C-alpha atoms as a PDB file:
ATOM      1  CA  MET A   1      24.133 -41.834  14.326  1.00  0.00           C
ATOM      2  CA  MET A   2      25.032 -38.358  15.571  1.00  0.00           C
ATOM      3  CA  PRO A   3      28.490 -37.898  17.028  1.00  0.00           C
ATOM      4  CA  THR A   4      28.754 -36.939  20.689  1.00  0.00           C
ATOM      5  CA  LYS A   5      29.079 -33.238  21.385  1.00  0.00           C
ATOM      6  CA  ARG A   6      32.411 -31.965  22.702  1.00  0.00           C
ATOM      7  CA  ASP A   7      32.590 -30.710  26.290  1.00  0.00           C
ATOM      8  CA  ASN A   8      35.426 -28.195  25.980  1.00  0.00           C
ATOM      9  CA  VAL A   9      34.561 -26.487  22.707  1.00  0.00           C
ATOM     10  CA  ILE A  10      36.031 -23.066  23.513  1.00  0.00           C
ATOM     11  CA  ALA A  11      39.270 -24.480  24.951  1.00  0.00           C
ATOM     12  CA  ASP A  12      39.600 -26.797  21.938  1.00  0.00           C
ATOM     13  CA  VAL A  13      39.036 -23.917  19.487  1.00  0.00           C
ATOM     14  CA  ILE A  14      41.610 -21.720  21.261  1.00  0.00           C
ATOM     15  CA  TYR A  15      44.078 -24.638  21.279  1.00  0.00           C
ATOM     16  CA  SER A  16      43.622 -24.923  17.488  1.00  0.00           C
ATOM     17  CA  LEU A  17      43.877 -21.155  17.015  1.00  0.00           C
ATOM     18  CA  GLU A  18      47.196 -21.043  18.889  1.00  0.00           C
ATOM     19  CA  ARG A  19      48.593 -23.802  16.664  1.00  0.00           C
ATOM     20  CA  GLY A  20      47.504 -22.161  13.418  1.00  0.00           C
ATOM     21  CA  HIS A  21      44.747 -24.701  12.801  1.00  0.00           C
ATOM     22  CA  LEU A  22      41.777 -22.310  12.871  1.00  0.00           C
ATOM     23  CA  VAL A  23      40.768 -21.917   9.219  1.00  0.00           C
ATOM     24  CA  PRO A  24      37.918 -19.894   7.719  1.00  0.00           C
ATOM     25  CA  THR A  25      36.068 -21.703   4.936  1.00  0.00           C
ATOM     26  CA  PHE A  26      35.553 -19.941   1.611  1.00  0.00           C
ATOM     27  CA  HIS A  27      31.960 -19.215   2.691  1.00  0.00           C
ATOM     28  CA  ALA A  28      33.200 -17.685   5.959  1.00  0.00           C
ATOM     29  CA  GLN A  29      35.747 -15.524   4.115  1.00  0.00           C
ATOM     30  CA  GLU A  30      33.019 -14.208   1.797  1.00  0.00           C
ATOM     31  CA  GLN A  31      30.665 -13.494   4.708  1.00  0.00           C
ATOM     32  CA  MET A  32      33.429 -11.854   6.757  1.00  0.00           C
ATOM     33  CA  LYS A  33      34.299  -9.559   3.835  1.00  0.00           C
ATOM     34  CA  LYS A  34      30.635  -8.615   3.363  1.00  0.00           C
ATOM     35  CA  ARG A  35      30.160  -8.053   7.107  1.00  0.00           C
ATOM     36  CA  ASN A  36      33.454  -6.216   7.681  1.00  0.00           C
ATOM     37  CA  ILE A  37      34.721  -8.830  10.171  1.00  0.00           C
ATOM     38  CA  LEU A  38      38.467  -9.470  10.351  1.00  0.00           C
ATOM     39  CA  LEU A  39      40.045 -12.759  11.358  1.00  0.00           C
ATOM     40  CA  SER A  40      41.675 -10.807  14.219  1.00  0.00           C
ATOM     41  CA  ASP A  41      38.168  -9.798  15.431  1.00  0.00           C
ATOM     42  CA  ILE A  42      37.221 -13.483  15.537  1.00  0.00           C
ATOM     43  CA  GLU A  43      40.439 -14.464  17.316  1.00  0.00           C
ATOM     44  CA  GLU A  44      39.944 -11.732  19.938  1.00  0.00           C
ATOM     45  CA  ALA A  45      36.304 -12.723  20.457  1.00  0.00           C
ATOM     46  CA  LEU A  46      37.201 -16.394  20.945  1.00  0.00           C
ATOM     47  CA  TYR A  47      39.386 -15.631  23.982  1.00  0.00           C
ATOM     48  CA  GLN A  48      36.375 -14.436  25.965  1.00  0.00           C
ATOM     49  CA  ALA A  49      33.641 -16.308  24.100  1.00  0.00           C
ATOM     50  CA  GLN A  50      30.655 -18.045  25.624  1.00  0.00           C
ATOM     51  CA  ARG A  51      28.968 -21.139  24.202  1.00  0.00           C
ATOM     52  CA  GLU A  52      25.566 -20.616  22.605  1.00  0.00           C
ATOM     53  CA  GLU A  53      24.698 -24.262  22.913  1.00  0.00           C
ATOM     54  CA  ALA A  54      21.067 -23.727  21.906  1.00  0.00           C
ATOM     55  CA  LYS A  55      22.379 -22.608  18.489  1.00  0.00           C
ATOM     56  CA  ASP A  56      24.488 -25.760  17.901  1.00  0.00           C
ATOM     57  CA  LYS A  57      23.322 -27.824  14.923  1.00  0.00           C
ATOM     58  CA  PRO A  58      24.426 -30.982  13.151  1.00  0.00           C
ATOM     59  CA  THR A  59      26.290 -30.517   9.867  1.00  0.00           C
ATOM     60  CA  ASP A  60      24.291 -31.188   6.704  1.00  0.00           C
ATOM     61  CA  ASP A  61      25.752 -34.701   6.429  1.00  0.00           C
ATOM     62  CA  GLY A  62      25.061 -35.383  10.130  1.00  0.00           C
ATOM     63  CA  LYS A  63      28.662 -36.475  10.777  1.00  0.00           C
ATOM     64  CA  ALA A  64      29.703 -33.563  13.010  1.00  0.00           C
ATOM     65  CA  TRP A  65      28.377 -30.666  15.051  1.00  0.00           C
ATOM     66  CA  LYS A  66      28.409 -26.976  14.133  1.00  0.00           C
ATOM     67  CA  TYR A  67      29.141 -25.155  17.396  1.00  0.00           C
ATOM     68  CA  ALA A  68      28.008 -21.589  18.091  1.00  0.00           C
ATOM     69  CA  LEU A  69      30.285 -19.309  20.118  1.00  0.00           C
ATOM     70  CA  ARG A  70      29.668 -15.674  21.019  1.00  0.00           C
ATOM     71  CA  GLY A  71      32.107 -12.977  22.074  1.00  0.00           C
ATOM     72  CA  LEU A  72      33.226  -9.380  21.683  1.00  0.00           C
ATOM     73  CA  ASN A  73      36.330  -8.271  19.819  1.00  0.00           C
ATOM     74  CA  GLU A  74      38.920  -6.276  21.822  1.00  0.00           C
ATOM     75  CA  ALA A  75      37.510  -2.890  20.777  1.00  0.00           C
ATOM     76  CA  GLY A  76      34.106  -4.099  21.993  1.00  0.00           C
ATOM     77  CA  ASP A  77      32.349  -2.846  18.856  1.00  0.00           C
ATOM     78  CA  LYS A  78      31.673  -6.277  17.338  1.00  0.00           C
ATOM     79  CA  ASP A  79      29.437  -8.811  19.107  1.00  0.00           C
ATOM     80  CA  LEU A  80      30.311 -11.903  17.125  1.00  0.00           C
ATOM     81  CA  ARG A  81      28.547 -15.219  16.759  1.00  0.00           C
ATOM     82  CA  ILE A  82      31.123 -17.617  15.357  1.00  0.00           C
ATOM     83  CA  ILE A  83      30.109 -21.002  13.962  1.00  0.00           C
ATOM     84  CA  VAL A  84      32.844 -23.665  13.922  1.00  0.00           C
ATOM     85  CA  VAL A  85      33.187 -27.320  12.941  1.00  0.00           C
ATOM     86  CA  PHE A  86      35.972 -29.630  14.100  1.00  0.00           C
ATOM     87  CA  ALA A  87      37.753 -31.355  11.186  1.00  0.00           C
ATOM     88  CA  ASN A  88      40.897 -32.770  12.817  1.00  0.00           C
ATOM     89  CA  PRO A  89      43.425 -31.316  13.027  1.00  0.00           C
ATOM     90  CA  LYS A  90      41.714 -28.184  11.704  1.00  0.00           C
ATOM     91  CA  VAL A  91      38.865 -26.202  13.172  1.00  0.00           C
ATOM     92  CA  LEU A  92      36.841 -24.630  10.374  1.00  0.00           C
ATOM     93  CA  ILE A  93      35.122 -21.281  10.791  1.00  0.00           C
ATOM     94  CA  ILE A  94      31.848 -21.776   8.924  1.00  0.00           C
ATOM     95  CA  THR A  95      30.629 -18.204   9.361  1.00  0.00           C
ATOM     96  CA  ALA A  96      30.743 -15.167  11.616  1.00  0.00           C
ATOM     97  CA  ILE A  97      27.940 -12.706  12.260  1.00  0.00           C
ATOM     98  CA  ASP A  98      28.199  -9.328  14.001  1.00  0.00           C
ATOM     99  CA  LYS A  99      25.077  -9.257  16.154  1.00  0.00           C
ATOM    100  CA  ASN A 100      25.416  -5.442  16.515  1.00  0.00           C
ATOM    101  CA  LYS A 101      24.740  -5.046  12.799  1.00  0.00           C
ATOM    102  CA  LYS A 102      21.454  -5.518  10.966  1.00  0.00           C
ATOM    103  CA  GLU A 103      21.757  -7.863   7.990  1.00  0.00           C
ATOM    104  CA  ASP A 104      20.637  -6.515   4.628  1.00  0.00           C
END
């Protein structure tokens, strides 16, 4: 049975960020390095992010939701899609994609 989706995803992610509980997975760290995305870019983008609810997906095991958020970093040069999963008390960054850049 799928878990219920959260209502306040962005507020919950920012709450976790401000408590030091926002953690990039190893996969996210590798992707961020490859895509030249800093954790600070992600943090900045989260403060003015919008939900991309149509991009939400269940995790592979079906026990949680992967939530898609979209926002610009402070410089405005990175349009980031950030995928997160709640794993209490942590919020895991699964990946981040700069939508201004073409993927190789």
